[in-house]
Amino acid sequence: MLGSIIAALFIAFITGALARFALPGPDPMPPWLTLVIGLLGFIGGEALVFAIGGAKAASWSGLAAFGIAVGLVIAYRRFVQKRPVWGKDAYRFPKRGFGVDQYRERLRKVGIDPDQIGAGRPQGGVGDAVNQSGLYSRPTTPAHDHPGEPTENPAHYLGLLEELHDSGVLDDSEYDDARLRLLEKLR
């Protein structure tokens, strides 16, 4: 029984994660929300397939679960994050949603302006110039002058960059640019 529950949760999490990756642009959300979307998709897909085709159509339940999970991610994006699902603005980093504030803060800590992710033109803030990749350009000063700078614990910040890249928050070029900037600061 416990094995079945764990297997169902694992499948639900994978279904939710795939639904997030099916849409263009970043979809930062906590793991519990990915699991909930996958579970609702899993339950809804099973119910839909059995309502339409009965037990003979059980092989279609995975595809139906994925479709419902994608629909839930679309609904989350439209009604909670209030941003488009497709188009140029779908690639922008969201300003609202579950866990978005924490992701935005983590991006700022590694020197990335979340408002520049997916933006066509950089628009910097006061005192900071922003280059094309959305990274802050700051004058180089010793790390001890700025507590919390990435150069204080480079392994930690490289790990954060990798995690943001793996989760889809940073694309390949943004990840490479941020990593190179950090490594150049260490010289």
Protein backbone atom coordinates (compact mmCIF):
# COMPACT_ATOMS: atom_id res chain seq x y z
CA MET A 1 0.00 0.00 0.00
CA LEU A 2 2.75 2.48 0.97
CA GLY A 3 4.68 1.57 -2.18
CA SER A 4 1.61 2.35 -4.32
CA ILE A 5 1.19 5.74 -2.66
CA ILE A 6 4.87 6.60 -3.16
CA ALA A 7 4.71 5.48 -6.79
CA ALA A 8 1.56 7.57 -7.39
CA LEU A 9 3.21 10.64 -5.82
CA PHE A 10 6.34 10.13 -7.93
CA ILE A 11 4.29 9.80 -11.13
CA ALA A 12 2.23 12.85 -10.16
CA PHE A 13 5.37 14.91 -9.56
CA ILE A 14 6.85 13.89 -12.92
CA THR A 15 3.54 14.67 -14.64
CA GLY A 16 3.44 18.13 -13.03
CA ALA A 17 7.06 18.83 -13.96
CA LEU A 18 6.51 17.78 -17.57
CA ALA A 19 3.42 19.98 -17.74
CA ARG A 20 5.53 22.94 -16.60
CA PHE A 21 8.15 22.22 -19.24
CA ALA A 22 5.50 21.89 -21.96
CA LEU A 23 4.90 25.64 -21.95
CA PRO A 24 7.40 28.28 -23.07
CA GLY A 25 9.08 30.48 -20.50
CA PRO A 26 9.92 30.07 -16.84
CA ASP A 27 7.38 28.62 -14.44
CA PRO A 28 9.00 28.93 -11.03
CA MET A 29 6.88 27.22 -8.41
CA PRO A 30 7.56 25.27 -5.26
CA PRO A 31 7.79 21.47 -5.48
CA TRP A 32 4.53 21.04 -3.55
CA LEU A 33 2.64 22.99 -6.24
CA THR A 34 4.20 20.87 -8.98
CA LEU A 35 3.04 17.80 -7.04
CA VAL A 36 -0.50 19.19 -6.60
CA ILE A 37 -0.78 19.98 -10.31
CA GLY A 38 0.45 16.49 -11.16
CA LEU A 39 -1.93 14.85 -8.66
CA LEU A 40 -4.92 16.78 -9.95
CA GLY A 41 -3.91 15.91 -13.52
CA PHE A 42 -3.43 12.25 -12.55
CA ILE A 43 -6.82 12.02 -10.81
CA GLY A 44 -8.59 14.03 -13.50
CA GLY A 45 -7.02 11.99 -16.30
CA GLU A 46 -8.04 8.70 -14.68
CA ALA A 47 -11.58 9.95 -14.11
CA LEU A 48 -11.92 11.32 -17.65
CA VAL A 49 -10.65 8.17 -19.34
CA PHE A 50 -12.81 5.86 -17.24
CA ALA A 51 -15.87 8.07 -17.76
CA ILE A 52 -15.43 8.06 -21.52
CA GLY A 53 -13.97 4.65 -22.31
CA GLY A 54 -14.26 2.54 -19.18
CA ALA A 55 -11.57 0.14 -18.02
CA LYS A 56 -10.67 -0.79 -21.62
CA ALA A 57 -9.28 2.71 -22.20
CA ALA A 58 -6.97 2.74 -19.16
CA SER A 59 -3.88 2.99 -21.35
CA TRP A 60 -4.91 6.54 -22.30
CA SER A 61 -5.00 7.78 -18.71
CA GLY A 62 -1.36 8.94 -18.72
CA LEU A 63 -1.90 11.11 -21.78
CA ALA A 64 -5.12 12.50 -20.34
CA ALA A 65 -3.37 13.22 -17.01
CA PHE A 66 -0.63 15.11 -18.84
CA GLY A 67 -3.18 17.13 -20.82
CA ILE A 68 -5.11 18.09 -17.70
CA ALA A 69 -1.88 19.00 -15.87
CA VAL A 70 -0.87 21.27 -18.79
CA GLY A 71 -4.31 22.86 -18.57
CA LEU A 72 -3.79 23.47 -14.85
CA VAL A 73 -0.40 25.11 -15.49
CA ILE A 74 -2.07 27.31 -18.14
CA ALA A 75 -4.78 28.27 -15.63
CA TYR A 76 -2.15 28.98 -12.95
CA ARG A 77 -0.21 31.17 -15.35
CA ARG A 78 -3.27 33.10 -16.56
CA PHE A 79 -5.19 33.55 -13.30
CA VAL A 80 -2.57 33.48 -10.54
CA GLN A 81 0.53 34.86 -12.26
CA LYS A 82 -1.58 37.01 -14.62
CA ARG A 83 0.76 36.59 -17.57
CA PRO A 84 0.36 35.19 -21.08
CA VAL A 85 0.82 31.55 -21.90
CA TRP A 86 2.41 32.08 -25.32
CA GLY A 87 4.18 34.90 -27.07
CA LYS A 88 7.02 37.22 -26.19
CA ASP A 89 5.78 38.04 -22.68
CA ALA A 90 5.50 34.34 -21.77
CA TYR A 91 9.30 34.29 -21.54
CA ARG A 92 9.38 37.03 -18.91
CA PHE A 93 9.92 36.07 -15.30
CA PRO A 94 6.63 36.25 -13.36
CA LYS A 95 6.02 38.90 -10.72
CA ARG A 96 3.45 36.98 -8.68
CA GLY A 97 2.64 33.43 -7.76
CA PHE A 98 3.58 30.88 -5.13
CA GLY A 99 7.29 31.09 -4.33
CA VAL A 100 8.04 33.71 -7.00
CA ASP A 101 9.32 36.26 -4.47
CA GLN A 102 11.89 33.75 -3.19
CA TYR A 103 13.04 32.94 -6.73
CA ARG A 104 13.32 36.64 -7.56
CA GLU A 105 15.42 37.24 -4.44
CA ARG A 106 17.70 34.30 -5.29
CA LEU A 107 18.22 35.69 -8.78
CA ARG A 108 19.12 39.10 -7.38
CA LYS A 109 21.64 37.49 -5.01
CA VAL A 110 23.51 35.99 -7.95
CA GLY A 111 23.46 39.30 -9.81
CA ILE A 112 20.59 38.66 -12.22
CA ASP A 113 17.74 41.11 -12.64
CA PRO A 114 14.58 38.95 -12.87
CA ASP A 115 12.75 41.71 -14.74
CA GLN A 116 15.28 41.41 -17.57
CA ILE A 117 14.76 37.68 -18.12
CA GLY A 118 13.01 37.35 -21.44
CA ALA A 119 13.03 41.12 -22.01
CA GLY A 120 14.10 42.50 -25.33
CA ARG A 121 15.79 45.64 -24.00
CA PRO A 122 17.61 46.09 -20.74
CA GLN A 123 16.29 48.72 -18.36
CA GLY A 124 18.57 49.17 -15.41
CA GLY A 125 17.81 50.47 -12.00
CA VAL A 126 19.41 53.46 -10.30
CA GLY A 127 23.10 52.87 -9.73
CA ASP A 128 23.25 49.61 -11.67
CA ALA A 129 23.85 49.19 -15.37
CA VAL A 130 22.21 46.11 -16.83
CA ASN A 131 23.76 44.36 -19.80
CA GLN A 132 21.93 42.35 -22.49
CA SER A 133 21.80 39.15 -20.42
CA GLY A 134 20.06 40.93 -17.54
CA LEU A 135 23.09 40.79 -15.25
CA TYR A 136 23.96 43.70 -13.03
CA SER A 137 27.21 45.44 -13.92
CA ARG A 138 28.75 46.78 -10.74
CA PRO A 139 32.13 48.31 -10.16
CA THR A 140 34.63 45.72 -9.03
CA THR A 141 35.45 46.08 -5.34
CA PRO A 142 36.88 43.66 -2.82
CA ALA A 143 34.41 41.05 -1.56
CA HIS A 144 34.79 42.11 2.06
CA ASP A 145 33.31 45.55 1.23
CA HIS A 146 29.98 43.98 0.20
CA PRO A 147 28.73 41.27 2.56
CA GLY A 148 26.63 38.73 0.73
CA GLU A 149 28.55 39.10 -2.53
CA PRO A 150 28.84 35.89 -4.56
CA THR A 151 32.63 36.01 -4.22
CA GLU A 152 32.35 35.29 -0.49
CA ASN A 153 31.11 31.75 -1.16
CA PRO A 154 31.53 31.06 -4.88
CA ALA A 155 30.74 27.35 -4.65
CA HIS A 156 27.35 28.16 -3.10
CA TYR A 157 26.49 30.70 -5.79
CA LEU A 158 27.68 28.43 -8.60
CA GLY A 159 25.34 25.79 -7.14
CA LEU A 160 22.48 28.30 -7.09
CA LEU A 161 23.15 29.24 -10.70
CA GLU A 162 23.17 25.59 -11.71
CA GLU A 163 19.92 24.95 -9.84
CA LEU A 164 18.25 27.95 -11.50
CA HIS A 165 19.48 26.73 -14.88
CA ASP A 166 18.27 23.16 -14.27
CA SER A 167 14.83 24.38 -13.18
CA GLY A 168 14.46 26.48 -16.33
CA VAL A 169 14.63 29.89 -14.66
CA LEU A 170 17.87 30.70 -16.51
CA ASP A 171 18.39 29.79 -20.13
CA ASP A 172 21.78 28.54 -21.39
CA SER A 173 23.18 31.94 -22.31
CA GLU A 174 22.04 33.59 -19.05
CA TYR A 175 23.57 30.75 -17.05
CA ASP A 176 26.86 30.93 -18.95
CA ASP A 177 27.04 34.74 -18.65
CA ALA A 178 26.33 34.73 -14.90
CA ARG A 179 28.84 31.94 -14.28
CA LEU A 180 31.55 33.68 -16.32
CA ARG A 181 30.95 36.98 -14.50
CA LEU A 182 31.32 35.26 -11.16
CA LEU A 183 34.47 33.46 -12.22
CA GLU A 184 35.93 36.72 -13.56
CA LYS A 185 35.25 38.41 -10.21
CA LEU A 186 37.25 35.68 -8.50
CA ARG A 187 40.42 36.50 -10.49
